[in-house]
Amino acid sequence: MNGEANPRGLNVKEALITGFSINPLYPCADFEAREFNYKYFAGELAWYLLKSRETTFIDKFSNFWKTLKNEDGTINSNYGNILLTKEGETSGMAWVVNSLKKDKDSRQAIAYIGGSKFQYDGNKDFVCTQYIIFFIRNNQLHMKVQMRSNDIFYGLSYDAPWFSTVHQNVYMELLETYPGLQLGQYFHFSDNTHFYQRHFELAESILSQEVYSPGPELKLREPLWYSYEDGRTDLSAAAKEYLLWFDTRLESLEKLEKQDFIDALSLIFEIN
């Protein structure tokens, strides 16, 4: 169902209950009318690996997150914090990996992201992604992401590369248990896919583009984190090296160019 709506007095074009597949090695939307923003993705990925609910770091890459702060100055939607932090008996990623190691045909390899804890009055950061679930079928690892709401330009453009990274990381963690395993498809579902009026003309420009080509290949070199039977998920040496790159350049980010951030991402991805 496609149409227009007016949430919070803002005009949007939307589609309800959408789903499509993504090759997890080619998750970047890179168009002539709107180039992929390597700086923002590189910064967001580092922020997720930091697992911080503070916005001090990500504010250097976008002013967007400042608008979503809770009264205590934190935000909710740091997906690294949600997926990689052990809460109770396990982290979300450890649950996924351990479920599939125990049972190759498991239907329980799910990591919850949204939930009732975010349902409170005054919440400006109502988490968009609800869960991710993994299946091994025909010796391929598939992943489904379920979102309640997804802005094509501000959300999907960077959600897809992040969840593709998650997909590849789980795949690499499972290779020791299943040496012949193959990387399958990433299925992205959203109950409401939309874009706002400020992007109407941009959307028309992209749709008028005659030739579409996939963005760069983004192949993870090695895991960024490892999950353990005790429910922990710890960052790898590769992730720590990536964070160190930012740590030594935080004071001069404005002077860096697009290629600098591609070089940073090349520490952890093969980019072709």
C-alpha atoms as a PDB file:
ATOM      1  CA  MET A   1       0.000   0.000   0.000  1.00  0.00           C
ATOM      2  CA  ASN A   2       1.578   3.275  -1.174  1.00  0.00           C
ATOM      3  CA  GLY A   3       0.488   6.800  -0.400  1.00  0.00           C
ATOM      4  CA  GLU A   4       1.159   9.975   1.533  1.00  0.00           C
ATOM      5  CA  ALA A   5       0.774  10.787   5.218  1.00  0.00           C
ATOM      6  CA  ASN A   6       1.344  13.682   7.579  1.00  0.00           C
ATOM      7  CA  PRO A   7       2.929  12.442  10.842  1.00  0.00           C
ATOM      8  CA  ARG A   8       3.762  15.287  13.257  1.00  0.00           C
ATOM      9  CA  GLY A   9       2.635  17.737  10.552  1.00  0.00           C
ATOM     10  CA  LEU A  10       5.363  16.628   8.124  1.00  0.00           C
ATOM     11  CA  ASN A  11       4.533  15.451   4.601  1.00  0.00           C
ATOM     12  CA  VAL A  12       5.861  12.008   3.726  1.00  0.00           C
ATOM     13  CA  LYS A  13       5.519   9.516   0.916  1.00  0.00           C
ATOM     14  CA  GLU A  14       5.260   6.014   2.301  1.00  0.00           C
ATOM     15  CA  ALA A  15       4.809   2.343   1.506  1.00  0.00           C
ATOM     16  CA  LEU A  16       3.366  -0.058   4.055  1.00  0.00           C
ATOM     17  CA  ILE A  17       4.642  -3.593   4.657  1.00  0.00           C
ATOM     18  CA  THR A  18       7.626  -3.688   2.304  1.00  0.00           C
ATOM     19  CA  GLY A  19      10.328  -6.291   1.877  1.00  0.00           C
ATOM     20  CA  PHE A  20      13.260  -6.878  -0.445  1.00  0.00           C
ATOM     21  CA  SER A  21      16.573  -8.715  -0.480  1.00  0.00           C
ATOM     22  CA  ILE A  22      20.045  -7.220  -0.296  1.00  0.00           C
ATOM     23  CA  ASN A  23      23.354  -8.803  -1.216  1.00  0.00           C
ATOM     24  CA  PRO A  24      25.263  -8.302   2.072  1.00  0.00           C
ATOM     25  CA  LEU A  25      28.464  -7.697   0.099  1.00  0.00           C
ATOM     26  CA  TYR A  26      26.864  -4.775  -1.798  1.00  0.00           C
ATOM     27  CA  PRO A  27      24.777  -2.834   0.740  1.00  0.00           C
ATOM     28  CA  CYS A  28      25.755   0.742  -0.164  1.00  0.00           C
ATOM     29  CA  ALA A  29      23.322   2.990  -2.058  1.00  0.00           C
ATOM     30  CA  ASP A  30      25.601   5.138  -4.223  1.00  0.00           C
ATOM     31  CA  PHE A  31      23.836   7.302  -6.806  1.00  0.00           C
ATOM     32  CA  GLU A  32      24.945  10.123  -9.038  1.00  0.00           C
ATOM     33  CA  ALA A  33      22.350  12.382  -7.400  1.00  0.00           C
ATOM     34  CA  ARG A  34      23.331  11.271  -3.890  1.00  0.00           C
ATOM     35  CA  GLU A  35      26.720   9.736  -3.247  1.00  0.00           C
ATOM     36  CA  PHE A  36      27.199   7.325  -0.394  1.00  0.00           C
ATOM     37  CA  ASN A  37      28.492   9.231   2.656  1.00  0.00           C
ATOM     38  CA  TYR A  38      31.594   7.278   3.692  1.00  0.00           C
ATOM     39  CA  LYS A  39      32.387   9.720   6.482  1.00  0.00           C
ATOM     40  CA  TYR A  40      29.066   9.216   8.228  1.00  0.00           C
ATOM     41  CA  PHE A  41      29.017   5.436   7.812  1.00  0.00           C
ATOM     42  CA  ALA A  42      32.597   5.149   9.067  1.00  0.00           C
ATOM     43  CA  GLY A  43      31.719   7.268  12.109  1.00  0.00           C
ATOM     44  CA  GLU A  44      28.457   5.474  12.841  1.00  0.00           C
ATOM     45  CA  LEU A  45      30.154   2.087  12.646  1.00  0.00           C
ATOM     46  CA  ALA A  46      32.840   3.262  15.091  1.00  0.00           C
ATOM     47  CA  TRP A  47      30.139   4.608  17.410  1.00  0.00           C
ATOM     48  CA  TYR A  48      28.340   1.273  17.371  1.00  0.00           C
ATOM     49  CA  LEU A  49      31.596  -0.501  18.196  1.00  0.00           C
ATOM     50  CA  LEU A  50      32.103   1.932  21.075  1.00  0.00           C
ATOM     51  CA  LYS A  51      28.652   0.799  22.303  1.00  0.00           C
ATOM     52  CA  SER A  52      28.068   4.268  23.719  1.00  0.00           C
ATOM     53  CA  ARG A  53      24.643   5.749  24.362  1.00  0.00           C
ATOM     54  CA  GLU A  54      26.278   9.156  24.648  1.00  0.00           C
ATOM     55  CA  THR A  55      26.318  11.272  21.484  1.00  0.00           C
ATOM     56  CA  THR A  56      29.649  13.038  22.040  1.00  0.00           C
ATOM     57  CA  PHE A  57      31.381  10.941  19.373  1.00  0.00           C
ATOM     58  CA  ILE A  58      28.628  10.693  16.750  1.00  0.00           C
ATOM     59  CA  ASP A  59      27.875  14.432  17.046  1.00  0.00           C
ATOM     60  CA  LYS A  60      31.133  14.991  15.155  1.00  0.00           C
ATOM     61  CA  PHE A  61      29.575  13.270  12.141  1.00  0.00           C
ATOM     62  CA  SER A  62      25.953  14.446  12.268  1.00  0.00           C
ATOM     63  CA  ASN A  63      23.747  16.841  14.230  1.00  0.00           C
ATOM     64  CA  PHE A  64      20.834  14.419  13.922  1.00  0.00           C
ATOM     65  CA  TRP A  65      21.421  12.512  17.151  1.00  0.00           C
ATOM     66  CA  LYS A  66      21.376  15.664  19.288  1.00  0.00           C
ATOM     67  CA  THR A  67      17.654  15.989  18.564  1.00  0.00           C
ATOM     68  CA  LEU A  68      16.853  12.543  20.006  1.00  0.00           C
ATOM     69  CA  LYS A  69      18.407  12.762  23.467  1.00  0.00           C
ATOM     70  CA  ASN A  70      16.627  11.527  26.560  1.00  0.00           C
ATOM     71  CA  GLU A  71      16.430  13.760  29.611  1.00  0.00           C
ATOM     72  CA  ASP A  72      19.674  12.243  30.904  1.00  0.00           C
ATOM     73  CA  GLY A  73      21.479  13.119  27.655  1.00  0.00           C
ATOM     74  CA  THR A  74      21.599   9.581  26.249  1.00  0.00           C
ATOM     75  CA  ILE A  75      19.963   8.028  23.199  1.00  0.00           C
ATOM     76  CA  ASN A  76      18.467   4.563  22.708  1.00  0.00           C
ATOM     77  CA  SER A  77      19.385   3.562  19.160  1.00  0.00           C
ATOM     78  CA  ASN A  78      23.043   2.660  19.418  1.00  0.00           C
ATOM     79  CA  TYR A  79      22.699  -0.767  17.815  1.00  0.00           C
ATOM     80  CA  GLY A  80      26.141  -1.828  18.984  1.00  0.00           C
ATOM     81  CA  ASN A  81      25.139  -1.150  22.572  1.00  0.00           C
ATOM     82  CA  ILE A  82      21.944  -3.166  22.126  1.00  0.00           C
ATOM     83  CA  LEU A  83      23.412  -6.143  20.243  1.00  0.00           C
ATOM     84  CA  LEU A  84      26.909  -6.485  21.702  1.00  0.00           C
ATOM     85  CA  THR A  85      26.286  -5.765  25.384  1.00  0.00           C
ATOM     86  CA  LYS A  86      25.535  -8.674  27.694  1.00  0.00           C
ATOM     87  CA  GLU A  87      22.232  -8.080  29.466  1.00  0.00           C
ATOM     88  CA  GLY A  88      21.168 -10.768  31.887  1.00  0.00           C
ATOM     89  CA  GLU A  89      22.546 -14.071  30.642  1.00  0.00           C
ATOM     90  CA  THR A  90      23.585 -13.124  27.118  1.00  0.00           C
ATOM     91  CA  SER A  91      24.155 -10.490  24.471  1.00  0.00           C
ATOM     92  CA  GLY A  92      21.946 -10.563  21.397  1.00  0.00           C
ATOM     93  CA  MET A  93      24.826 -11.596  19.157  1.00  0.00           C
ATOM     94  CA  ALA A  94      25.994 -14.343  21.508  1.00  0.00           C
ATOM     95  CA  TRP A  95      22.465 -15.762  21.596  1.00  0.00           C
ATOM     96  CA  VAL A  96      22.332 -15.846  17.796  1.00  0.00           C
ATOM     97  CA  VAL A  97      25.709 -17.535  17.345  1.00  0.00           C
ATOM     98  CA  ASN A  98      25.259 -20.035  20.165  1.00  0.00           C
ATOM     99  CA  SER A  99      21.758 -20.967  18.974  1.00  0.00           C
ATOM    100  CA  LEU A 100      23.060 -21.823  15.508  1.00  0.00           C
ATOM    101  CA  LYS A 101      26.101 -23.667  16.822  1.00  0.00           C
ATOM    102  CA  LYS A 102      23.842 -25.891  18.915  1.00  0.00           C
ATOM    103  CA  ASP A 103      21.319 -26.482  16.147  1.00  0.00           C
ATOM    104  CA  LYS A 104      22.098 -25.731  12.499  1.00  0.00           C
ATOM    105  CA  ASP A 105      18.361 -25.692  11.734  1.00  0.00           C
ATOM    106  CA  SER A 106      17.458 -23.444  14.679  1.00  0.00           C
ATOM    107  CA  ARG A 107      14.530 -21.035  14.382  1.00  0.00           C
ATOM    108  CA  GLN A 108      15.562 -19.278  17.604  1.00  0.00           C
ATOM    109  CA  ALA A 109      18.608 -17.345  16.373  1.00  0.00           C
ATOM    110  CA  ILE A 110      16.960 -13.985  16.998  1.00  0.00           C
ATOM    111  CA  ALA A 111      18.297 -10.778  18.520  1.00  0.00           C
ATOM    112  CA  TYR A 112      15.713  -8.300  19.795  1.00  0.00           C
ATOM    113  CA  ILE A 113      16.448  -4.608  19.318  1.00  0.00           C
ATOM    114  CA  GLY A 114      13.210  -2.701  19.900  1.00  0.00           C
ATOM    115  CA  GLY A 115      10.918  -3.594  22.761  1.00  0.00           C
ATOM    116  CA  SER A 116       8.563  -2.463  25.491  1.00  0.00           C
ATOM    117  CA  LYS A 117      11.357  -0.737  27.415  1.00  0.00           C
ATOM    118  CA  PHE A 118      11.243   2.018  24.783  1.00  0.00           C
ATOM    119  CA  GLN A 119       7.515   2.613  25.193  1.00  0.00           C
ATOM    120  CA  TYR A 120       7.445   5.617  27.484  1.00  0.00           C
ATOM    121  CA  ASP A 121       5.988   9.108  27.139  1.00  0.00           C
ATOM    122  CA  GLY A 122       8.380  11.699  25.819  1.00  0.00           C
ATOM    123  CA  ASN A 123      10.683   9.200  24.083  1.00  0.00           C
ATOM    124  CA  LYS A 124      12.251  11.012  21.121  1.00  0.00           C
ATOM    125  CA  ASP A 125      14.323   7.998  20.111  1.00  0.00           C
ATOM    126  CA  PHE A 126      11.760   5.238  19.605  1.00  0.00           C
ATOM    127  CA  VAL A 127      13.969   2.483  18.184  1.00  0.00           C
ATOM    128  CA  CYS A 128      13.129   1.690  14.547  1.00  0.00           C
ATOM    129  CA  THR A 129      14.518  -1.833  14.216  1.00  0.00           C
ATOM    130  CA  GLN A 130      12.573  -4.484  16.091  1.00  0.00           C
ATOM    131  CA  TYR A 131      14.654  -7.632  15.615  1.00  0.00           C
ATOM    132  CA  ILE A 132      17.069  -9.532  13.403  1.00  0.00           C
ATOM    133  CA  ILE A 133      16.823 -13.287  12.875  1.00  0.00           C
ATOM    134  CA  PHE A 134      19.170 -15.753  11.187  1.00  0.00           C
ATOM    135  CA  PHE A 135      18.511 -19.068   9.439  1.00  0.00           C
ATOM    136  CA  ILE A 136      20.810 -21.663   7.933  1.00  0.00           C
ATOM    137  CA  ARG A 137      19.072 -23.358   5.041  1.00  0.00           C
ATOM    138  CA  ASN A 138      20.658 -25.177   2.076  1.00  0.00           C
ATOM    139  CA  ASN A 139      23.994 -24.492   3.753  1.00  0.00           C
ATOM    140  CA  GLN A 140      23.527 -20.717   3.461  1.00  0.00           C
ATOM    141  CA  LEU A 141      23.269 -18.228   6.324  1.00  0.00           C
ATOM    142  CA  HIS A 142      20.331 -15.894   5.696  1.00  0.00           C
ATOM    143  CA  MET A 143      19.343 -12.877   7.784  1.00  0.00           C
ATOM    144  CA  LYS A 144      16.048 -11.013   8.084  1.00  0.00           C
ATOM    145  CA  VAL A 145      15.833  -7.508   9.564  1.00  0.00           C
ATOM    146  CA  GLN A 146      12.381  -6.356  10.722  1.00  0.00           C
ATOM    147  CA  MET A 147      11.752  -2.645  11.181  1.00  0.00           C
ATOM    148  CA  ARG A 148       8.632  -0.820  12.322  1.00  0.00           C
ATOM    149  CA  SER A 149       9.656   2.336  10.436  1.00  0.00           C
ATOM    150  CA  ASN A 150      12.440   3.151   7.984  1.00  0.00           C
ATOM    151  CA  ASP A 151      13.402   6.473   6.418  1.00  0.00           C
ATOM    152  CA  ILE A 152      14.971   5.620   3.056  1.00  0.00           C
ATOM    153  CA  PHE A 153      17.506   8.454   3.098  1.00  0.00           C
ATOM    154  CA  TYR A 154      18.431   8.909   6.759  1.00  0.00           C
ATOM    155  CA  GLY A 155      17.840   5.322   7.872  1.00  0.00           C
ATOM    156  CA  LEU A 156      18.072   2.636   5.202  1.00  0.00           C
ATOM    157  CA  SER A 157      21.158   4.146   3.538  1.00  0.00           C
ATOM    158  CA  TYR A 158      23.225   3.348   6.638  1.00  0.00           C
ATOM    159  CA  ASP A 159      21.137   0.610   8.244  1.00  0.00           C
ATOM    160  CA  ALA A 160      21.824  -1.675   5.271  1.00  0.00           C
ATOM    161  CA  PRO A 161      25.649  -1.466   5.496  1.00  0.00           C
ATOM    162  CA  TRP A 162      25.523  -1.907   9.288  1.00  0.00           C
ATOM    163  CA  PHE A 163      23.270  -4.961   9.219  1.00  0.00           C
ATOM    164  CA  SER A 164      25.297  -6.383   6.333  1.00  0.00           C
ATOM    165  CA  THR A 165      28.311  -6.080   8.625  1.00  0.00           C
ATOM    166  CA  VAL A 166      26.396  -7.923  11.350  1.00  0.00           C
ATOM    167  CA  HIS A 167      25.419 -10.613   8.822  1.00  0.00           C
ATOM    168  CA  GLN A 168      29.001 -11.113   7.674  1.00  0.00           C
ATOM    169  CA  ASN A 169      30.296 -11.155  11.251  1.00  0.00           C
ATOM    170  CA  VAL A 170      27.875 -13.920  12.301  1.00  0.00           C
ATOM    171  CA  TYR A 171      28.826 -15.838   9.157  1.00  0.00           C
ATOM    172  CA  MET A 172      32.532 -15.648  10.006  1.00  0.00           C
ATOM    173  CA  GLU A 173      31.899 -16.703  13.601  1.00  0.00           C
ATOM    174  CA  LEU A 174      30.094 -19.822  12.385  1.00  0.00           C
ATOM    175  CA  LEU A 175      32.731 -20.957   9.886  1.00  0.00           C
ATOM    176  CA  GLU A 176      34.713 -22.890  12.487  1.00  0.00           C
ATOM    177  CA  THR A 177      31.619 -24.949  13.314  1.00  0.00           C
ATOM    178  CA  TYR A 178      30.379 -25.183   9.703  1.00  0.00           C
ATOM    179  CA  PRO A 179      33.448 -24.880   7.414  1.00  0.00           C
ATOM    180  CA  GLY A 180      31.433 -25.188   4.196  1.00  0.00           C
ATOM    181  CA  LEU A 181      28.842 -22.570   5.136  1.00  0.00           C
ATOM    182  CA  GLN A 182      28.025 -19.918   2.531  1.00  0.00           C
ATOM    183  CA  LEU A 183      26.892 -16.331   2.994  1.00  0.00           C
ATOM    184  CA  GLY A 184      23.229 -16.069   2.034  1.00  0.00           C
ATOM    185  CA  GLN A 185      20.807 -13.181   1.483  1.00  0.00           C
ATOM    186  CA  TYR A 186      19.866 -10.290   3.720  1.00  0.00           C
ATOM    187  CA  PHE A 187      16.093  -9.720   3.735  1.00  0.00           C
ATOM    188  CA  HIS A 188      15.009  -6.241   4.810  1.00  0.00           C
ATOM    189  CA  PHE A 189      11.386  -5.758   5.915  1.00  0.00           C
ATOM    190  CA  SER A 190       9.710  -2.610   7.134  1.00  0.00           C
ATOM    191  CA  ASP A 191       6.138  -1.922   8.253  1.00  0.00           C
ATOM    192  CA  ASN A 192       6.508   1.668   7.045  1.00  0.00           C
ATOM    193  CA  THR A 193       9.110   2.726   4.472  1.00  0.00           C
ATOM    194  CA  HIS A 194       9.084   6.445   3.778  1.00  0.00           C
ATOM    195  CA  PHE A 195      10.846   9.686   2.911  1.00  0.00           C
ATOM    196  CA  TYR A 196      10.035  13.280   3.802  1.00  0.00           C
ATOM    197  CA  GLN A 197       9.143  16.238   1.605  1.00  0.00           C
ATOM    198  CA  ARG A 198      12.696  17.606   1.788  1.00  0.00           C
ATOM    199  CA  HIS A 199      13.745  14.552  -0.245  1.00  0.00           C
ATOM    200  CA  PHE A 200      10.922  14.505  -2.827  1.00  0.00           C
ATOM    201  CA  GLU A 201      13.029  16.126  -5.574  1.00  0.00           C
ATOM    202  CA  LEU A 202      16.053  14.004  -4.746  1.00  0.00           C
ATOM    203  CA  ALA A 203      13.953  10.853  -5.019  1.00  0.00           C
ATOM    204  CA  GLU A 204      12.758  11.945  -8.480  1.00  0.00           C
ATOM    205  CA  SER A 205      16.363  12.577  -9.544  1.00  0.00           C
ATOM    206  CA  ILE A 206      17.426   9.108  -8.425  1.00  0.00           C
ATOM    207  CA  LEU A 207      14.435   7.452 -10.098  1.00  0.00           C
ATOM    208  CA  SER A 208      15.203   9.252 -13.365  1.00  0.00           C
ATOM    209  CA  GLN A 209      18.703   7.798 -13.458  1.00  0.00           C
ATOM    210  CA  GLU A 210      18.806   5.499 -16.473  1.00  0.00           C
ATOM    211  CA  VAL A 211      21.571   3.139 -15.412  1.00  0.00           C
ATOM    212  CA  TYR A 212      21.818   1.633 -11.944  1.00  0.00           C
ATOM    213  CA  SER A 213      25.007   0.010 -10.765  1.00  0.00           C
ATOM    214  CA  PRO A 214      25.739  -1.559  -7.391  1.00  0.00           C
ATOM    215  CA  GLY A 215      27.823   0.405  -4.951  1.00  0.00           C
ATOM    216  CA  PRO A 216      31.234  -0.835  -3.864  1.00  0.00           C
ATOM    217  CA  GLU A 217      31.766  -4.327  -2.525  1.00  0.00           C
ATOM    218  CA  LEU A 218      32.048  -4.174   1.269  1.00  0.00           C
ATOM    219  CA  LYS A 219      33.570  -7.486   2.346  1.00  0.00           C
ATOM    220  CA  LEU A 220      34.531  -7.867   5.987  1.00  0.00           C
ATOM    221  CA  ARG A 221      38.169  -8.911   6.343  1.00  0.00           C
ATOM    222  CA  GLU A 222      37.751 -10.617   9.729  1.00  0.00           C
ATOM    223  CA  PRO A 223      35.248 -10.537  12.601  1.00  0.00           C
ATOM    224  CA  LEU A 224      34.827  -7.263  14.473  1.00  0.00           C
ATOM    225  CA  TRP A 225      33.593  -9.137  17.536  1.00  0.00           C
ATOM    226  CA  TYR A 226      33.490 -12.659  18.926  1.00  0.00           C
ATOM    227  CA  SER A 227      30.698 -14.301  20.870  1.00  0.00           C
ATOM    228  CA  TYR A 228      31.227 -16.857  23.641  1.00  0.00           C
ATOM    229  CA  GLU A 229      29.244 -19.631  25.286  1.00  0.00           C
ATOM    230  CA  ASP A 230      28.946 -17.611  28.492  1.00  0.00           C
ATOM    231  CA  GLY A 231      26.965 -14.952  26.617  1.00  0.00           C
ATOM    232  CA  ARG A 232      29.747 -12.388  26.246  1.00  0.00           C
ATOM    233  CA  THR A 233      30.545 -10.578  23.024  1.00  0.00           C
ATOM    234  CA  ASP A 234      33.968  -8.919  22.882  1.00  0.00           C
ATOM    235  CA  LEU A 235      35.537  -6.680  20.246  1.00  0.00           C
ATOM    236  CA  SER A 236      38.272  -8.172  18.089  1.00  0.00           C
ATOM    237  CA  ALA A 237      41.747  -6.753  17.501  1.00  0.00           C
ATOM    238  CA  ALA A 238      40.549  -5.489  14.105  1.00  0.00           C
ATOM    239  CA  ALA A 239      37.736  -3.492  15.723  1.00  0.00           C
ATOM    240  CA  LYS A 240      40.122  -2.009  18.279  1.00  0.00           C
ATOM    241  CA  GLU A 241      42.539  -0.973  15.518  1.00  0.00           C
ATOM    242  CA  TYR A 242      39.643   0.689  13.701  1.00  0.00           C
ATOM    243  CA  LEU A 243      38.629   2.619  16.830  1.00  0.00           C
ATOM    244  CA  LEU A 244      42.235   3.658  17.391  1.00  0.00           C
ATOM    245  CA  TRP A 245      42.245   5.250  13.924  1.00  0.00           C
ATOM    246  CA  PHE A 246      39.445   7.578  15.039  1.00  0.00           C
ATOM    247  CA  ASP A 247      40.906   8.155  18.473  1.00  0.00           C
ATOM    248  CA  THR A 248      44.063   9.644  16.931  1.00  0.00           C
ATOM    249  CA  ARG A 249      42.129  11.887  14.513  1.00  0.00           C
ATOM    250  CA  LEU A 250      39.149  13.176  16.482  1.00  0.00           C
ATOM    251  CA  GLU A 251      40.539  16.692  16.727  1.00  0.00           C
ATOM    252  CA  SER A 252      41.086  17.014  12.978  1.00  0.00           C
ATOM    253  CA  LEU A 253      38.030  15.268  11.474  1.00  0.00           C
ATOM    254  CA  GLU A 254      36.909  18.387   9.570  1.00  0.00           C
ATOM    255  CA  LYS A 255      40.195  18.377   7.630  1.00  0.00           C
ATOM    256  CA  LEU A 256      39.802  14.793   6.440  1.00  0.00           C
ATOM    257  CA  GLU A 257      38.567  13.941   2.953  1.00  0.00           C
ATOM    258  CA  LYS A 258      36.302  11.197   1.600  1.00  0.00           C
ATOM    259  CA  GLN A 259      39.333   9.027   0.764  1.00  0.00           C
ATOM    260  CA  ASP A 260      40.548   9.223   4.364  1.00  0.00           C
ATOM    261  CA  PHE A 261      37.347   7.565   5.567  1.00  0.00           C
ATOM    262  CA  ILE A 262      37.508   4.970   2.790  1.00  0.00           C
ATOM    263  CA  ASP A 263      41.041   4.225   4.001  1.00  0.00           C
ATOM    264  CA  ALA A 264      39.731   3.837   7.551  1.00  0.00           C
ATOM    265  CA  LEU A 265      37.004   1.447   6.405  1.00  0.00           C
ATOM    266  CA  SER A 266      39.652  -0.455   4.427  1.00  0.00           C
ATOM    267  CA  LEU A 267      41.189  -1.490   7.734  1.00  0.00           C
ATOM    268  CA  ILE A 268      38.226  -3.794   8.258  1.00  0.00           C
ATOM    269  CA  PHE A 269      36.643  -4.204   4.802  1.00  0.00           C
ATOM    270  CA  GLU A 270      37.910  -5.174   1.391  1.00  0.00           C
ATOM    271  CA  ILE A 271      36.436  -2.301  -0.634  1.00  0.00           C
ATOM    272  CA  ASN A 272      36.301  -2.857  -4.390  1.00  0.00           C
END
